[in-house]
Amino acid sequence: MNKPSRLLTLDSNVFIAALKEDESYNDKAFCTSAYPLCAEYDIYAIDAIYLKVALDNHAALVL
């Protein structure tokens, strides 16, 4: 059995484009669910969305 692969990218726009086919990342509920990451990691809201996608997909996002 193959090990699960992880998505690794240096550009968050490429990362989001790779996941764009998954519509669950385009709704308001998802955006608000990422908001607590702003306080937890002291980051901006848009970065929290990228981080939430990475965490949900067990991916590595390199900033």
PDB file of N, CA and C in Angstrom:
ATOM      1  N   MET A   1       0.835  -1.184   0.000  1.00  0.00           N
ATOM      2  CA  MET A   1       0.000   0.000   0.000  1.00  0.00           C
ATOM      3  C   MET A   1       0.881   1.250   0.000  1.00  0.00           C
ATOM      4  N   ASN A   2       0.533   2.225  -0.813  1.00  0.00           N
ATOM      5  CA  ASN A   2       1.312   3.453  -0.914  1.00  0.00           C
ATOM      6  C   ASN A   2       1.047   4.379   0.255  1.00  0.00           C
ATOM      7  N   LYS A   3       2.092   5.100   0.654  1.00  0.00           N
ATOM      8  CA  LYS A   3       1.957   6.131   1.667  1.00  0.00           C
ATOM      9  C   LYS A   3       1.145   7.286   1.098  1.00  0.00           C
ATOM     10  N   PRO A   4       0.292   7.917   1.898  1.00  0.00           N
ATOM     11  CA  PRO A   4      -0.445   9.069   1.379  1.00  0.00           C
ATOM     12  C   PRO A   4       0.520  10.184   0.984  1.00  0.00           C
ATOM     13  N   SER A   5       0.253  10.814  -0.130  1.00  0.00           N
ATOM     14  CA  SER A   5       1.123  11.904  -0.570  1.00  0.00           C
ATOM     15  C   SER A   5       0.679  13.207   0.087  1.00  0.00           C
ATOM     16  N   ARG A   6       1.602  14.134   0.163  1.00  0.00           N
ATOM     17  CA  ARG A   6       1.306  15.452   0.712  1.00  0.00           C
ATOM     18  C   ARG A   6       1.592  16.502  -0.344  1.00  0.00           C
ATOM     19  N   LEU A   7       0.754  17.504  -0.371  1.00  0.00           N
ATOM     20  CA  LEU A   7       0.934  18.614  -1.292  1.00  0.00           C
ATOM     21  C   LEU A   7       1.918  19.601  -0.673  1.00  0.00           C
ATOM     22  N   LEU A   8       2.957  19.959  -1.401  1.00  0.00           N
ATOM     23  CA  LEU A   8       3.950  20.922  -0.929  1.00  0.00           C
ATOM     24  C   LEU A   8       4.096  22.007  -1.981  1.00  0.00           C
ATOM     25  N   THR A   9       3.945  23.249  -1.577  1.00  0.00           N
ATOM     26  CA  THR A   9       4.091  24.358  -2.507  1.00  0.00           C
ATOM     27  C   THR A   9       4.677  25.558  -1.791  1.00  0.00           C
ATOM     28  N   LEU A  10       5.368  26.402  -2.526  1.00  0.00           N
ATOM     29  CA  LEU A  10       5.919  27.628  -1.970  1.00  0.00           C
ATOM     30  C   LEU A  10       5.002  28.817  -2.216  1.00  0.00           C
ATOM     31  N   ASP A  11       3.964  28.637  -2.978  1.00  0.00           N
ATOM     32  CA  ASP A  11       3.060  29.723  -3.338  1.00  0.00           C
ATOM     33  C   ASP A  11       1.650  29.359  -2.903  1.00  0.00           C
ATOM     34  N   SER A  12       1.075  30.147  -2.010  1.00  0.00           N
ATOM     35  CA  SER A  12      -0.255  29.835  -1.504  1.00  0.00           C
ATOM     36  C   SER A  12      -1.312  29.891  -2.602  1.00  0.00           C
ATOM     37  N   ASN A  13      -1.111  30.716  -3.636  1.00  0.00           N
ATOM     38  CA  ASN A  13      -2.072  30.761  -4.737  1.00  0.00           C
ATOM     39  C   ASN A  13      -2.089  29.445  -5.504  1.00  0.00           C
ATOM     40  N   VAL A  14      -0.924  28.846  -5.695  1.00  0.00           N
ATOM     41  CA  VAL A  14      -0.851  27.540  -6.351  1.00  0.00           C
ATOM     42  C   VAL A  14      -1.524  26.498  -5.468  1.00  0.00           C
ATOM     43  N   PHE A  15      -1.305  26.607  -4.167  1.00  0.00           N
ATOM     44  CA  PHE A  15      -1.896  25.679  -3.207  1.00  0.00           C
ATOM     45  C   PHE A  15      -3.422  25.732  -3.274  1.00  0.00           C
ATOM     46  N   ILE A  16      -3.982  26.927  -3.228  1.00  0.00           N
ATOM     47  CA  ILE A  16      -5.435  27.077  -3.276  1.00  0.00           C
ATOM     48  C   ILE A  16      -5.967  26.609  -4.626  1.00  0.00           C
ATOM     49  N   ALA A  17      -5.273  26.906  -5.704  1.00  0.00           N
ATOM     50  CA  ALA A  17      -5.713  26.457  -7.026  1.00  0.00           C
ATOM     51  C   ALA A  17      -5.755  24.938  -7.098  1.00  0.00           C
ATOM     52  N   ALA A  18      -4.809  24.286  -6.442  1.00  0.00           N
ATOM     53  CA  ALA A  18      -4.779  22.824  -6.450  1.00  0.00           C
ATOM     54  C   ALA A  18      -5.974  22.237  -5.716  1.00  0.00           C
ATOM     55  N   LEU A  19      -6.509  22.983  -4.771  1.00  0.00           N
ATOM     56  CA  LEU A  19      -7.639  22.496  -3.981  1.00  0.00           C
ATOM     57  C   LEU A  19      -8.974  23.086  -4.428  1.00  0.00           C
ATOM     58  N   LYS A  20      -8.963  23.936  -5.443  1.00  0.00           N
ATOM     59  CA  LYS A  20     -10.162  24.665  -5.865  1.00  0.00           C
ATOM     60  C   LYS A  20     -11.312  23.750  -6.236  1.00  0.00           C
ATOM     61  N   GLU A  21     -11.021  22.556  -6.688  1.00  0.00           N
ATOM     62  CA  GLU A  21     -12.089  21.648  -7.081  1.00  0.00           C
ATOM     63  C   GLU A  21     -12.964  21.245  -5.902  1.00  0.00           C
ATOM     64  N   ASP A  22     -12.484  21.454  -4.692  1.00  0.00           N
ATOM     65  CA  ASP A  22     -13.258  21.102  -3.506  1.00  0.00           C
ATOM     66  C   ASP A  22     -14.064  22.319  -3.057  1.00  0.00           C
ATOM     67  N   GLU A  23     -15.328  22.328  -3.359  1.00  0.00           N
ATOM     68  CA  GLU A  23     -16.179  23.485  -3.093  1.00  0.00           C
ATOM     69  C   GLU A  23     -16.388  23.781  -1.608  1.00  0.00           C
ATOM     70  N   SER A  24     -16.060  22.846  -0.731  1.00  0.00           N
ATOM     71  CA  SER A  24     -16.263  23.126   0.693  1.00  0.00           C
ATOM     72  C   SER A  24     -15.347  24.245   1.182  1.00  0.00           C
ATOM     73  N   TYR A  25     -14.325  24.601   0.398  1.00  0.00           N
ATOM     74  CA  TYR A  25     -13.432  25.687   0.785  1.00  0.00           C
ATOM     75  C   TYR A  25     -13.862  27.021   0.198  1.00  0.00           C
ATOM     76  N   ASN A  26     -15.058  27.099  -0.343  1.00  0.00           N
ATOM     77  CA  ASN A  26     -15.546  28.338  -0.932  1.00  0.00           C
ATOM     78  C   ASN A  26     -16.731  28.930  -0.175  1.00  0.00           C
ATOM     79  N   ASP A  27     -17.096  28.361   0.965  1.00  0.00           N
ATOM     80  CA  ASP A  27     -18.290  28.859   1.645  1.00  0.00           C
ATOM     81  C   ASP A  27     -17.958  29.689   2.880  1.00  0.00           C
ATOM     82  N   LYS A  28     -18.963  30.436   3.336  1.00  0.00           N
ATOM     83  CA  LYS A  28     -18.788  31.345   4.469  1.00  0.00           C
ATOM     84  C   LYS A  28     -18.457  30.594   5.751  1.00  0.00           C
ATOM     85  N   ALA A  29     -19.061  29.441   5.951  1.00  0.00           N
ATOM     86  CA  ALA A  29     -18.811  28.660   7.168  1.00  0.00           C
ATOM     87  C   ALA A  29     -17.344  28.269   7.272  1.00  0.00           C
ATOM     88  N   PHE A  30     -16.751  27.897   6.153  1.00  0.00           N
ATOM     89  CA  PHE A  30     -15.330  27.551   6.179  1.00  0.00           C
ATOM     90  C   PHE A  30     -14.493  28.767   6.551  1.00  0.00           C
ATOM     91  N   CYS A  31     -14.795  29.907   5.948  1.00  0.00           N
ATOM     92  CA  CYS A  31     -14.020  31.123   6.225  1.00  0.00           C
ATOM     93  C   CYS A  31     -14.095  31.501   7.701  1.00  0.00           C
ATOM     94  N   THR A  32     -15.290  31.423   8.281  1.00  0.00           N
ATOM     95  CA  THR A  32     -15.418  31.765   9.696  1.00  0.00           C
ATOM     96  C   THR A  32     -14.773  30.715  10.595  1.00  0.00           C
ATOM     97  N   SER A  33     -14.698  29.479  10.135  1.00  0.00           N
ATOM     98  CA  SER A  33     -14.048  28.445  10.947  1.00  0.00           C
ATOM     99  C   SER A  33     -12.536  28.645  10.996  1.00  0.00           C
ATOM    100  N   ALA A  34     -11.985  29.360  10.028  1.00  0.00           N
ATOM    101  CA  ALA A  34     -10.548  29.633  10.005  1.00  0.00           C
ATOM    102  C   ALA A  34     -10.177  30.824  10.889  1.00  0.00           C
ATOM    103  N   TYR A  35     -11.155  31.637  11.254  1.00  0.00           N
ATOM    104  CA  TYR A  35     -10.886  32.875  11.992  1.00  0.00           C
ATOM    105  C   TYR A  35     -10.133  32.674  13.314  1.00  0.00           C
ATOM    106  N   PRO A  36     -10.441  31.660  14.126  1.00  0.00           N
ATOM    107  CA  PRO A  36      -9.700  31.479  15.390  1.00  0.00           C
ATOM    108  C   PRO A  36      -8.196  31.284  15.202  1.00  0.00           C
ATOM    109  N   LEU A  37      -7.782  30.832  14.024  1.00  0.00           N
ATOM    110  CA  LEU A  37      -6.351  30.658  13.767  1.00  0.00           C
ATOM    111  C   LEU A  37      -5.615  31.998  13.758  1.00  0.00           C
ATOM    112  N   CYS A  38      -6.340  33.087  13.481  1.00  0.00           N
ATOM    113  CA  CYS A  38      -5.725  34.423  13.489  1.00  0.00           C
ATOM    114  C   CYS A  38      -5.138  34.729  14.862  1.00  0.00           C
ATOM    115  N   ALA A  39      -5.928  34.509  15.900  1.00  0.00           N
ATOM    116  CA  ALA A  39      -5.467  34.782  17.262  1.00  0.00           C
ATOM    117  C   ALA A  39      -4.454  33.748  17.729  1.00  0.00           C
ATOM    118  N   GLU A  40      -4.696  32.494  17.372  1.00  0.00           N
ATOM    119  CA  GLU A  40      -3.824  31.419  17.835  1.00  0.00           C
ATOM    120  C   GLU A  40      -2.401  31.554  17.296  1.00  0.00           C
ATOM    121  N   TYR A  41      -2.277  31.943  16.024  1.00  0.00           N
ATOM    122  CA  TYR A  41      -0.959  32.029  15.394  1.00  0.00           C
ATOM    123  C   TYR A  41      -0.517  33.462  15.094  1.00  0.00           C
ATOM    124  N   ASP A  42      -1.336  34.452  15.500  1.00  0.00           N
ATOM    125  CA  ASP A  42      -1.041  35.869  15.261  1.00  0.00           C
ATOM    126  C   ASP A  42      -0.781  36.124  13.772  1.00  0.00           C
ATOM    127  N   ILE A  43      -1.764  35.734  12.945  1.00  0.00           N
ATOM    128  CA  ILE A  43      -1.653  35.877  11.494  1.00  0.00           C
ATOM    129  C   ILE A  43      -2.875  36.614  10.953  1.00  0.00           C
ATOM    130  N   TYR A  44      -2.765  37.092   9.722  1.00  0.00           N
ATOM    131  CA  TYR A  44      -3.877  37.763   9.058  1.00  0.00           C
ATOM    132  C   TYR A  44      -4.929  36.745   8.628  1.00  0.00           C
ATOM    133  N   ALA A  45      -6.145  37.238   8.375  1.00  0.00           N
ATOM    134  CA  ALA A  45      -7.271  36.366   8.027  1.00  0.00           C
ATOM    135  C   ALA A  45      -7.004  35.536   6.770  1.00  0.00           C
ATOM    136  N   ILE A  46      -6.441  36.137   5.743  1.00  0.00           N
ATOM    137  CA  ILE A  46      -6.198  35.386   4.507  1.00  0.00           C
ATOM    138  C   ILE A  46      -5.190  34.272   4.749  1.00  0.00           C
ATOM    139  N   ASP A  47      -4.192  34.529   5.595  1.00  0.00           N
ATOM    140  CA  ASP A  47      -3.220  33.489   5.923  1.00  0.00           C
ATOM    141  C   ASP A  47      -3.866  32.372   6.735  1.00  0.00           C
ATOM    142  N   ALA A  48      -4.844  32.731   7.564  1.00  0.00           N
ATOM    143  CA  ALA A  48      -5.561  31.728   8.348  1.00  0.00           C
ATOM    144  C   ALA A  48      -6.346  30.786   7.437  1.00  0.00           C
ATOM    145  N   ILE A  49      -6.892  31.316   6.357  1.00  0.00           N
ATOM    146  CA  ILE A  49      -7.621  30.471   5.407  1.00  0.00           C
ATOM    147  C   ILE A  49      -6.668  29.482   4.745  1.00  0.00           C
ATOM    148  N   TYR A  50      -5.506  29.965   4.297  1.00  0.00           N
ATOM    149  CA  TYR A  50      -4.514  29.064   3.699  1.00  0.00           C
ATOM    150  C   TYR A  50      -4.080  27.999   4.701  1.00  0.00           C
ATOM    151  N   LEU A  51      -3.837  28.422   5.947  1.00  0.00           N
ATOM    152  CA  LEU A  51      -3.406  27.483   6.979  1.00  0.00           C
ATOM    153  C   LEU A  51      -4.486  26.451   7.263  1.00  0.00           C
ATOM    154  N   LYS A  52      -5.739  26.886   7.314  1.00  0.00           N
ATOM    155  CA  LYS A  52      -6.857  25.964   7.570  1.00  0.00           C
ATOM    156  C   LYS A  52      -6.937  24.896   6.480  1.00  0.00           C
ATOM    157  N   VAL A  53      -6.784  25.302   5.233  1.00  0.00           N
ATOM    158  CA  VAL A  53      -6.796  24.337   4.130  1.00  0.00           C
ATOM    159  C   VAL A  53      -5.658  23.339   4.302  1.00  0.00           C
ATOM    160  N   ALA A  54      -4.475  23.840   4.629  1.00  0.00           N
ATOM    161  CA  ALA A  54      -3.316  22.957   4.814  1.00  0.00           C
ATOM    162  C   ALA A  54      -3.551  21.980   5.956  1.00  0.00           C
ATOM    163  N   LEU A  55      -4.054  22.471   7.074  1.00  0.00           N
ATOM    164  CA  LEU A  55      -4.306  21.603   8.226  1.00  0.00           C
ATOM    165  C   LEU A  55      -5.362  20.551   7.910  1.00  0.00           C
ATOM    166  N   ASP A  56      -6.424  20.964   7.240  1.00  0.00           N
ATOM    167  CA  ASP A  56      -7.509  20.032   6.907  1.00  0.00           C
ATOM    168  C   ASP A  56      -7.060  18.936   5.948  1.00  0.00           C
ATOM    169  N   ASN A  57      -6.073  19.244   5.118  1.00  0.00           N
ATOM    170  CA  ASN A  57      -5.608  18.287   4.109  1.00  0.00           C
ATOM    171  C   ASN A  57      -4.284  17.629   4.474  1.00  0.00           C
ATOM    172  N   HIS A  58      -3.833  17.863   5.692  1.00  0.00           N
ATOM    173  CA  HIS A  58      -2.558  17.295   6.159  1.00  0.00           C
ATOM    174  C   HIS A  58      -1.444  17.605   5.166  1.00  0.00           C
ATOM    175  N   ALA A  59      -1.446  18.852   4.692  1.00  0.00           N
ATOM    176  CA  ALA A  59      -0.471  19.284   3.691  1.00  0.00           C
ATOM    177  C   ALA A  59       0.579  20.178   4.337  1.00  0.00           C
ATOM    178  N   ALA A  60       1.651  20.382   3.638  1.00  0.00           N
ATOM    179  CA  ALA A  60       2.705  21.287   4.091  1.00  0.00           C
ATOM    180  C   ALA A  60       2.626  22.560   3.265  1.00  0.00           C
ATOM    181  N   LEU A  61       2.393  23.676   3.919  1.00  0.00           N
ATOM    182  CA  LEU A  61       2.341  24.974   3.254  1.00  0.00           C
ATOM    183  C   LEU A  61       3.569  25.752   3.695  1.00  0.00           C
ATOM    184  N   VAL A  62       4.452  26.056   2.770  1.00  0.00           N
ATOM    185  CA  VAL A  62       5.696  26.754   3.083  1.00  0.00           C
ATOM    186  C   VAL A  62       5.514  28.219   2.728  1.00  0.00           C
ATOM    187  N   LEU A  63       5.623  29.084   3.716  1.00  0.00           N
ATOM    188  CA  LEU A  63       5.454  30.522   3.477  1.00  0.00           C
ATOM    189  C   LEU A  63       6.781  31.217   3.418  1.00  0.00           C
TER     190      LEU A  63
END
